[in-house]
Amino acid sequence: YRPGTSTFYLYYRVLPVAAGESARFEDQAWRLMTQVTEDSVICTKYDQFKEFQFKTPNNRALDSTGDTTDKFKVFAIKLVLASTSDVDLPRVMNFRAIAFDA
């Protein structure tokens, strides 16, 4: 559920294969994903849910140095639900994330 007063921010981080054994996943930077779904898509009813799609820049993951990486061991997703309203907040149902390395 995404009312007109809200937006979603989706972040990801990866641990590249090339990072080596000493690299820590927690040290990798969170990267903002690009929303593919039109920003004008909103919900008008509280029990109405729509699908939103996001992608990484250039369809490739960015590692902690900002370079692109094709292979990664681990990934994580962080979803931030933001709203300018104190009473009409966004909600998520059936969240799924799919990550492919090259």
C-alpha atoms as a PDB file:
ATOM      1  CA  TYR A   1       0.000   0.000   0.000  1.00  0.00           C
ATOM      2  CA  ARG A   2       1.526   3.280  -1.107  1.00  0.00           C
ATOM      3  CA  PRO A   3      -0.601   6.399  -0.592  1.00  0.00           C
ATOM      4  CA  GLY A   4       0.169   9.584  -2.517  1.00  0.00           C
ATOM      5  CA  THR A   5       1.903  11.073   0.523  1.00  0.00           C
ATOM      6  CA  SER A   6       4.595   8.388   0.625  1.00  0.00           C
ATOM      7  CA  THR A   7       7.465   6.835  -1.240  1.00  0.00           C
ATOM      8  CA  PHE A   8       9.694   3.769  -1.065  1.00  0.00           C
ATOM      9  CA  TYR A   9      13.492   3.781  -0.988  1.00  0.00           C
ATOM     10  CA  LEU A  10      15.169   0.451  -1.637  1.00  0.00           C
ATOM     11  CA  TYR A  11      18.834  -0.074  -0.786  1.00  0.00           C
ATOM     12  CA  TYR A  12      21.107  -3.055  -1.363  1.00  0.00           C
ATOM     13  CA  ARG A  13      24.616  -4.146  -0.530  1.00  0.00           C
ATOM     14  CA  VAL A  14      26.732  -7.018  -1.764  1.00  0.00           C
ATOM     15  CA  LEU A  15      29.889  -8.802  -0.745  1.00  0.00           C
ATOM     16  CA  PRO A  16      31.856  -9.284  -3.969  1.00  0.00           C
ATOM     17  CA  VAL A  17      33.639 -12.570  -4.591  1.00  0.00           C
ATOM     18  CA  ALA A  18      36.809 -10.585  -5.334  1.00  0.00           C
ATOM     19  CA  ALA A  19      36.691  -8.957  -1.884  1.00  0.00           C
ATOM     20  CA  GLY A  20      38.663 -11.808  -0.346  1.00  0.00           C
ATOM     21  CA  GLU A  21      38.266 -13.689   2.907  1.00  0.00           C
ATOM     22  CA  SER A  22      39.123 -10.735   5.170  1.00  0.00           C
ATOM     23  CA  ALA A  23      36.309  -8.512   3.841  1.00  0.00           C
ATOM     24  CA  ARG A  24      33.321  -8.021   6.129  1.00  0.00           C
ATOM     25  CA  PHE A  25      29.800  -7.806   4.766  1.00  0.00           C
ATOM     26  CA  GLU A  26      28.897  -5.184   7.389  1.00  0.00           C
ATOM     27  CA  ASP A  27      31.600  -2.873   5.976  1.00  0.00           C
ATOM     28  CA  GLN A  28      30.004  -2.752   2.525  1.00  0.00           C
ATOM     29  CA  ALA A  29      28.107   0.432   1.652  1.00  0.00           C
ATOM     30  CA  TRP A  30      24.350   0.570   1.162  1.00  0.00           C
ATOM     31  CA  ARG A  31      23.486   1.599  -2.420  1.00  0.00           C
ATOM     32  CA  LEU A  32      20.217   3.194  -3.508  1.00  0.00           C
ATOM     33  CA  MET A  33      18.324   1.282  -6.191  1.00  0.00           C
ATOM     34  CA  THR A  34      16.377   2.874  -9.050  1.00  0.00           C
ATOM     35  CA  GLN A  35      12.608   2.524  -9.064  1.00  0.00           C
ATOM     36  CA  VAL A  36      11.423   1.024 -12.359  1.00  0.00           C
ATOM     37  CA  THR A  37       7.708   1.424 -11.616  1.00  0.00           C
ATOM     38  CA  GLU A  38       6.332   4.862 -12.498  1.00  0.00           C
ATOM     39  CA  ASP A  39       6.341   7.208  -9.513  1.00  0.00           C
ATOM     40  CA  SER A  40       2.724   8.121 -10.266  1.00  0.00           C
ATOM     41  CA  VAL A  41       1.555   4.622  -9.194  1.00  0.00           C
ATOM     42  CA  ILE A  42      -0.252   5.067  -5.878  1.00  0.00           C
ATOM     43  CA  CYS A  43      -2.946   3.229  -3.939  1.00  0.00           C
ATOM     44  CA  THR A  44      -6.318   4.803  -3.214  1.00  0.00           C
ATOM     45  CA  LYS A  45      -7.649   2.155  -0.806  1.00  0.00           C
ATOM     46  CA  TYR A  46      -5.974   0.952   2.392  1.00  0.00           C
ATOM     47  CA  ASP A  47      -6.217  -2.722   1.388  1.00  0.00           C
ATOM     48  CA  GLN A  48      -4.976  -2.105  -2.170  1.00  0.00           C
ATOM     49  CA  PHE A  49      -1.455  -3.308  -2.941  1.00  0.00           C
ATOM     50  CA  LYS A  50       0.476  -2.736  -6.156  1.00  0.00           C
ATOM     51  CA  GLU A  51       3.732  -4.218  -7.384  1.00  0.00           C
ATOM     52  CA  PHE A  52       6.799  -1.980  -7.443  1.00  0.00           C
ATOM     53  CA  GLN A  53      10.013  -2.947  -9.183  1.00  0.00           C
ATOM     54  CA  PHE A  54      13.515  -1.653  -8.538  1.00  0.00           C
ATOM     55  CA  LYS A  55      16.863  -2.292 -10.213  1.00  0.00           C
ATOM     56  CA  THR A  56      20.522  -1.597  -9.626  1.00  0.00           C
ATOM     57  CA  PRO A  57      22.283   1.118 -11.643  1.00  0.00           C
ATOM     58  CA  ASN A  58      23.229  -0.206 -15.088  1.00  0.00           C
ATOM     59  CA  ASN A  59      21.771  -3.565 -13.969  1.00  0.00           C
ATOM     60  CA  ARG A  60      25.024  -4.325 -12.132  1.00  0.00           C
ATOM     61  CA  ALA A  61      25.839  -4.329  -8.435  1.00  0.00           C
ATOM     62  CA  LEU A  62      28.217  -1.733  -6.999  1.00  0.00           C
ATOM     63  CA  ASP A  63      30.727  -2.865  -4.414  1.00  0.00           C
ATOM     64  CA  SER A  64      32.222  -0.808  -1.587  1.00  0.00           C
ATOM     65  CA  THR A  65      34.706   0.948  -3.860  1.00  0.00           C
ATOM     66  CA  GLY A  66      32.028   2.051  -6.309  1.00  0.00           C
ATOM     67  CA  ASP A  67      33.294  -0.207  -9.066  1.00  0.00           C
ATOM     68  CA  THR A  68      30.870  -2.602 -10.661  1.00  0.00           C
ATOM     69  CA  THR A  69      30.976  -6.234  -9.750  1.00  0.00           C
ATOM     70  CA  ASP A  70      29.507  -9.219 -11.549  1.00  0.00           C
ATOM     71  CA  LYS A  71      30.063 -11.862  -8.867  1.00  0.00           C
ATOM     72  CA  PHE A  72      28.977 -11.642  -5.255  1.00  0.00           C
ATOM     73  CA  LYS A  73      28.654 -14.054  -2.340  1.00  0.00           C
ATOM     74  CA  VAL A  74      25.977 -12.352  -0.241  1.00  0.00           C
ATOM     75  CA  PHE A  75      23.366  -9.637  -0.749  1.00  0.00           C
ATOM     76  CA  ALA A  76      21.020  -7.743   1.549  1.00  0.00           C
ATOM     77  CA  ILE A  77      18.046  -5.467   0.942  1.00  0.00           C
ATOM     78  CA  LYS A  78      16.877  -2.559   3.103  1.00  0.00           C
ATOM     79  CA  LEU A  79      13.449  -1.035   2.444  1.00  0.00           C
ATOM     80  CA  VAL A  80      12.725   2.464   3.755  1.00  0.00           C
ATOM     81  CA  LEU A  81       9.074   3.507   3.874  1.00  0.00           C
ATOM     82  CA  ALA A  82       8.771   7.305   3.960  1.00  0.00           C
ATOM     83  CA  SER A  83       5.668   9.457   4.329  1.00  0.00           C
ATOM     84  CA  THR A  84       4.780  13.094   4.884  1.00  0.00           C
ATOM     85  CA  SER A  85       1.634  11.965   6.720  1.00  0.00           C
ATOM     86  CA  ASP A  86       1.540  10.785  10.333  1.00  0.00           C
ATOM     87  CA  VAL A  87      -1.644   8.765   9.809  1.00  0.00           C
ATOM     88  CA  ASP A  88      -1.550   7.390   6.246  1.00  0.00           C
ATOM     89  CA  LEU A  89       1.592   5.271   6.217  1.00  0.00           C
ATOM     90  CA  PRO A  90       2.801   2.901   3.485  1.00  0.00           C
ATOM     91  CA  ARG A  91       2.664  -0.864   4.014  1.00  0.00           C
ATOM     92  CA  VAL A  92       4.298  -3.837   2.283  1.00  0.00           C
ATOM     93  CA  MET A  93       2.854  -7.251   1.530  1.00  0.00           C
ATOM     94  CA  ASN A  94       4.577 -10.253  -0.093  1.00  0.00           C
ATOM     95  CA  PHE A  95       8.019  -8.682  -0.428  1.00  0.00           C
ATOM     96  CA  ARG A  96      10.441 -10.620  -2.611  1.00  0.00           C
ATOM     97  CA  ALA A  97      13.978  -9.971  -3.807  1.00  0.00           C
ATOM     98  CA  ILE A  98      15.768 -11.756  -6.602  1.00  0.00           C
ATOM     99  CA  ALA A  99      19.498 -11.278  -7.159  1.00  0.00           C
ATOM    100  CA  PHE A 100      21.569 -12.773  -9.957  1.00  0.00           C
ATOM    101  CA  ASP A 101      25.286 -12.536 -10.388  1.00  0.00           C
ATOM    102  CA  ALA A 102      26.822 -12.947 -13.826  1.00  0.00           C
END
